[in-house]
N, C-alpha and C. Protein backbone atom coordinates (compact mmCIF):
# COMPACT_ATOMS: atom_id res chain seq x y z
N UNK A 1 -173.01 16.28 7.76
CA UNK A 1 -174.22 16.22 8.23
C UNK A 1 -173.66 17.38 9.66
N UNK A 2 -174.67 18.41 9.55
CA UNK A 2 -174.21 18.84 10.76
C UNK A 2 -175.22 18.34 11.92
N UNK A 3 -174.80 18.80 13.74
CA UNK A 3 -175.56 18.29 14.36
C UNK A 3 -176.83 18.49 14.75
N UNK A 4 -176.99 19.63 13.97
CA UNK A 4 -178.34 20.53 14.17
C UNK A 4 -179.45 19.51 13.15
N UNK A 5 -178.98 19.02 11.81
CA UNK A 5 -179.60 18.47 11.07
C UNK A 5 -179.53 16.97 10.90
N UNK A 6 -178.57 16.39 11.70
CA UNK A 6 -178.61 15.02 12.75
C UNK A 6 -180.21 14.92 13.31
N UNK A 7 -179.85 15.54 14.49
CA UNK A 7 -181.14 15.76 15.15
C UNK A 7 -182.17 16.21 14.70
N UNK A 8 -182.23 17.12 13.47
CA UNK A 8 -183.69 17.00 13.29
C UNK A 8 -184.05 15.84 12.35
N UNK A 9 -183.10 14.93 11.74
CA UNK A 9 -183.13 13.68 10.60
C UNK A 9 -183.92 12.97 11.76
N UNK A 10 -183.35 12.51 13.07
CA UNK A 10 -183.70 11.72 13.92
C UNK A 10 -185.10 12.09 15.16
N UNK A 11 -185.41 13.41 15.12
CA UNK A 11 -186.73 13.60 15.41
C UNK A 11 -187.61 13.24 14.39
N UNK A 12 -187.47 13.39 13.00
CA UNK A 12 -188.29 12.85 11.89
C UNK A 12 -188.67 11.68 12.23
N UNK A 13 -187.76 10.58 11.82
CA UNK A 13 -187.56 9.36 11.74
C UNK A 13 -188.70 8.85 13.01
N UNK A 14 -188.47 9.43 13.75
CA UNK A 14 -188.97 9.48 15.36
C UNK A 14 -190.49 9.27 15.36
N UNK A 15 -190.91 10.69 14.31
CA UNK A 15 -192.23 11.46 14.28
C UNK A 15 -193.12 11.41 13.46
N UNK A 16 -194.39 10.53 13.39
CA UNK A 16 -194.68 10.49 12.45
C UNK A 16 -195.70 11.47 11.74
N UNK A 17 -195.99 12.31 12.75
CA UNK A 17 -196.92 13.53 12.86
C UNK A 17 -195.75 14.53 11.97
N UNK A 18 -194.73 14.36 12.71
CA UNK A 18 -193.86 15.57 11.51
C UNK A 18 -193.58 14.94 9.95
N UNK A 19 -193.04 13.99 9.88
CA UNK A 19 -192.91 13.24 8.64
C UNK A 19 -194.32 13.88 7.79
N UNK A 20 -195.66 13.73 8.53
CA UNK A 20 -196.77 14.43 7.35
C UNK A 20 -196.81 15.73 7.52
N UNK A 21 -195.98 16.27 8.44
CA UNK A 21 -196.01 18.09 8.30
C UNK A 21 -195.23 17.74 6.92
N UNK A 22 -194.29 17.65 6.83
CA UNK A 22 -193.33 17.38 5.87
C UNK A 22 -193.47 17.51 4.60
N UNK A 23 -193.89 16.58 4.43
CA UNK A 23 -194.53 15.36 3.40
C UNK A 23 -195.62 16.55 2.61
N UNK A 24 -196.64 17.40 3.51
CA UNK A 24 -197.28 18.24 2.88
C UNK A 24 -197.08 19.42 2.66
N UNK A 25 -195.76 19.81 2.58
CA UNK A 25 -195.00 21.13 1.87
C UNK A 25 -194.65 20.70 0.69
N UNK A 26 -194.99 19.62 0.15
CA UNK A 26 -194.61 19.34 -1.35
C UNK A 26 -193.74 18.96 -1.31
N UNK A 27 -193.35 18.98 -2.88
CA UNK A 27 -191.96 18.36 -3.52
C UNK A 27 -190.98 19.22 -3.93
N UNK A 28 -191.36 20.62 -3.41
CA UNK A 28 -189.97 21.62 -3.27
C UNK A 28 -190.26 22.60 -2.23
N UNK A 29 -190.18 22.05 -1.28
CA UNK A 29 -190.06 23.28 -0.40
C UNK A 29 -189.36 23.86 0.03
N UNK A 30 -189.00 24.84 0.64
CA UNK A 30 -188.19 26.30 0.30
C UNK A 30 -187.18 25.72 2.17
N UNK A 31 -186.26 26.20 1.94
CA UNK A 31 -185.52 25.92 3.26
C UNK A 31 -186.45 27.18 4.03
N UNK A 32 -187.00 28.28 4.13
CA UNK A 32 -187.90 28.63 5.18
C UNK A 32 -189.12 27.80 5.63
N UNK A 33 -189.71 26.94 4.95
CA UNK A 33 -190.57 25.88 5.36
C UNK A 33 -189.43 25.03 6.26
N UNK A 34 -189.29 24.28 5.79
CA UNK A 34 -188.22 23.53 6.57
C UNK A 34 -187.64 23.83 7.81
N UNK A 35 -186.68 24.92 7.55
CA UNK A 35 -186.57 25.64 9.01
C UNK A 35 -187.50 25.83 9.91
N UNK A 36 -188.61 26.42 9.51
CA UNK A 36 -190.18 26.85 10.05
C UNK A 36 -190.62 25.56 11.10
N UNK A 37 -190.49 24.63 10.39
CA UNK A 37 -191.25 23.69 11.26
C UNK A 37 -189.46 22.64 12.15
N UNK A 38 -188.69 22.77 11.70
CA UNK A 38 -187.69 22.36 12.59
C UNK A 38 -187.86 23.25 13.68
N UNK A 39 -188.12 24.33 13.89
CA UNK A 39 -187.86 25.47 14.76
C UNK A 39 -189.42 25.02 15.59
N UNK A 40 -190.16 24.40 15.18
CA UNK A 40 -191.48 24.30 16.47
C UNK A 40 -191.23 23.28 16.93
N UNK A 41 -190.32 22.18 16.74
CA UNK A 41 -189.51 20.99 17.61
C UNK A 41 -188.25 21.11 18.63
N UNK A 42 -188.01 23.04 18.27
CA UNK A 42 -187.22 23.27 19.14
C UNK A 42 -185.76 22.82 18.44
N UNK A 43 -185.34 23.02 17.14
CA UNK A 43 -184.46 22.63 16.65
C UNK A 43 -183.61 23.93 15.55
N UNK A 44 -183.02 24.61 15.38
CA UNK A 44 -182.55 25.43 14.92
C UNK A 44 -181.80 24.87 13.48
N UNK A 45 -182.39 24.76 12.39
CA UNK A 45 -181.74 24.92 11.01
C UNK A 45 -181.19 26.04 10.77
N UNK A 46 -180.44 26.18 9.71
CA UNK A 46 -179.75 27.31 8.31
C UNK A 46 -179.83 26.78 7.38
N UNK A 47 -180.30 27.43 5.79
CA UNK A 47 -179.67 27.19 5.19
C UNK A 47 -178.40 26.19 5.05
N UNK A 48 -176.94 26.73 5.52
CA UNK A 48 -176.14 26.14 5.29
C UNK A 48 -176.24 24.84 6.02
N UNK A 49 -176.90 24.41 6.77
CA UNK A 49 -177.13 23.04 7.22
C UNK A 49 -177.54 21.75 6.06
N UNK A 50 -178.02 22.58 5.39
CA UNK A 50 -178.17 21.59 3.88
C UNK A 50 -177.70 21.77 3.19
N UNK A 51 -176.89 23.09 3.28
CA UNK A 51 -175.84 22.75 1.85
C UNK A 51 -174.72 22.19 2.48
N UNK A 52 -174.23 22.09 3.27
CA UNK A 52 -172.99 21.19 4.11
C UNK A 52 -173.18 19.95 4.36
N UNK A 53 -174.11 19.49 4.07
CA UNK A 53 -175.10 18.03 3.92
C UNK A 53 -174.82 17.67 2.88
N UNK A 54 -175.09 18.62 1.50
CA UNK A 54 -175.33 17.77 0.26
C UNK A 54 -174.04 17.71 -0.34
N UNK A 55 -172.99 19.17 -0.07
CA UNK A 55 -172.06 19.41 -0.55
C UNK A 55 -171.05 17.60 -0.38
N UNK A 56 -171.05 17.68 0.44
CA UNK A 56 -170.39 16.19 0.90
C UNK A 56 -170.73 14.85 -0.16
N UNK A 57 -171.81 14.70 -0.03
CA UNK A 57 -172.53 13.81 -0.92
C UNK A 57 -172.40 13.91 -2.88
N UNK A 58 -172.27 14.87 -3.36
CA UNK A 58 -172.36 14.62 -4.51
C UNK A 58 -171.50 14.71 -5.69
N UNK A 59 -171.78 13.78 -6.44
CA UNK A 59 -170.67 12.94 -7.31
C UNK A 59 -170.21 14.24 -8.03
N UNK A 60 -169.00 14.01 -8.83
CA UNK A 60 -168.58 14.41 -9.85
C UNK A 60 -169.87 14.66 -10.83
N UNK A 61 -170.36 13.89 -11.62
CA UNK A 61 -171.14 14.01 -12.66
C UNK A 61 -172.60 15.01 -12.21
N UNK A 62 -173.13 14.77 -10.90
CA UNK A 62 -173.84 15.45 -10.62
C UNK A 62 -173.69 17.04 -10.05
N UNK A 63 -172.05 17.22 -9.74
CA UNK A 63 -171.69 18.63 -9.95
C UNK A 63 -171.73 19.14 -11.31
N UNK A 64 -171.16 18.41 -12.06
CA UNK A 64 -171.78 18.81 -13.53
C UNK A 64 -172.90 19.11 -13.79
N UNK A 65 -173.68 18.50 -13.76
CA UNK A 65 -175.10 18.63 -13.83
C UNK A 65 -175.87 19.82 -13.63
N UNK A 66 -175.16 20.15 -11.57
CA UNK A 66 -175.89 21.69 -11.11
C UNK A 66 -174.90 22.65 -11.78
N UNK A 67 -174.00 22.39 -12.51
CA UNK A 67 -173.08 23.49 -12.73
C UNK A 67 -173.97 23.88 -14.12
N UNK A 68 -174.12 22.92 -15.23
CA UNK A 68 -174.95 22.82 -16.41
C UNK A 68 -176.41 23.15 -16.47
N UNK A 69 -176.88 23.41 -15.16
CA UNK A 69 -178.39 23.93 -15.12
C UNK A 69 -178.96 22.61 -14.92
N UNK A 70 -178.80 21.66 -15.19
CA UNK A 70 -179.56 20.16 -15.18
C UNK A 70 -179.99 19.70 -13.93
N UNK A 71 -179.57 20.50 -12.46
CA UNK A 71 -179.92 19.59 -11.63
C UNK A 71 -181.28 19.73 -10.71
N UNK A 72 -181.81 19.77 -11.49
CA UNK A 72 -183.52 19.93 -10.84
C UNK A 72 -183.69 18.28 -10.67
N UNK A 73 -183.26 17.36 -10.49
CA UNK A 73 -183.45 16.20 -10.20
C UNK A 73 -181.97 15.32 -9.83
N UNK A 74 -182.11 14.61 -9.07
CA UNK A 74 -180.86 13.86 -8.75
C UNK A 74 -181.09 12.12 -8.25
N UNK A 75 -180.53 11.47 -8.26
CA UNK A 75 -180.75 9.82 -7.74
C UNK A 75 -180.07 9.67 -6.73
N UNK A 76 -180.54 8.99 -5.74
CA UNK A 76 -180.84 8.83 -4.39
C UNK A 76 -179.59 7.69 -5.05
N UNK A 77 -178.37 7.71 -3.93
CA UNK A 77 -177.09 7.10 -3.98
C UNK A 77 -177.68 5.59 -3.06
N UNK A 78 -178.66 5.61 -2.31
CA UNK A 78 -178.75 4.49 -1.08
C UNK A 78 -180.20 3.64 -1.71
N UNK A 79 -181.36 4.25 -2.65
CA UNK A 79 -182.37 3.54 -3.40
C UNK A 79 -182.10 3.56 -4.60
N UNK A 80 -181.53 4.47 -5.24
CA UNK A 80 -181.56 4.64 -6.88
C UNK A 80 -182.49 5.63 -7.33
N UNK A 81 -183.62 6.06 -6.33
CA UNK A 81 -184.81 6.61 -6.77
C UNK A 81 -184.24 8.05 -7.27
N UNK A 82 -185.26 8.65 -8.34
CA UNK A 82 -184.80 10.06 -8.94
C UNK A 82 -185.59 10.79 -8.31
N UNK A 83 -185.22 11.79 -7.53
CA UNK A 83 -185.52 12.88 -6.67
C UNK A 83 -185.53 14.07 -7.20
N UNK A 84 -186.66 14.54 -6.95
CA UNK A 84 -186.74 16.20 -7.92
C UNK A 84 -186.75 17.25 -6.62
N UNK A 85 -186.44 18.07 -6.96
CA UNK A 85 -186.46 19.68 -5.89
C UNK A 85 -184.50 19.98 -5.59
N UNK A 86 -183.78 19.13 -6.40
CA UNK A 86 -182.28 19.56 -6.36
C UNK A 86 -181.75 18.82 -4.73
N UNK A 87 -180.93 19.88 -4.19
CA UNK A 87 -180.33 19.31 -2.91
C UNK A 87 -181.49 19.80 -1.94
N UNK A 88 -182.24 20.21 -2.20
CA UNK A 88 -183.23 20.26 -0.50
C UNK A 88 -184.23 18.89 -1.24
N UNK A 89 -184.61 18.52 -1.87
CA UNK A 89 -185.76 17.71 -2.31
C UNK A 89 -185.03 16.27 -1.63
N UNK A 90 -183.96 16.19 -1.81
CA UNK A 90 -182.59 15.11 -1.68
C UNK A 90 -182.55 14.94 -0.32
N UNK A 91 -182.46 16.14 0.50
CA UNK A 91 -181.99 15.69 1.59
C UNK A 91 -183.49 15.94 2.66
N UNK A 92 -184.93 15.75 2.06
CA UNK A 92 -186.24 15.56 2.24
C UNK A 92 -186.15 14.15 2.12
N UNK A 93 -185.93 13.60 1.48
CA UNK A 93 -185.87 12.54 0.67
C UNK A 93 -185.27 11.72 1.42
N UNK A 94 -183.96 11.94 1.80
CA UNK A 94 -183.07 10.82 2.82
C UNK A 94 -183.67 11.07 4.33
N UNK A 95 -184.08 12.06 4.63
CA UNK A 95 -184.64 12.23 5.87
C UNK A 95 -185.79 11.06 6.18
N UNK A 96 -186.94 11.26 5.26
CA UNK A 96 -187.57 10.63 5.16
C UNK A 96 -187.84 8.93 4.77
N UNK A 97 -186.86 9.02 3.70
CA UNK A 97 -187.00 7.25 3.30
C UNK A 97 -185.87 6.54 4.12
N UNK A 98 -184.98 7.24 4.31
CA UNK A 98 -183.87 6.33 5.50
C UNK A 98 -183.65 6.56 6.25
């Protein structure tokens, strides 16, 4: 996880209003939407911040699913919940739930 994404994660965990704002984006927010919310709180994020965080945590099976076009949902390795929205959905889940 990049330093900026880590800062954003900590900010979200400490700020209920920010949590509600992210949840209001729906199940599949765009990188641009999340980046804009982070910028409102003084944190600069890029799509690469999310990609680097997820690339390190995908199992071989998950990579196969993505390569095969089945990457719409993933299972959280922490709570075992199925998460929609691919890598972005999983990143948001981990920020908001863990």
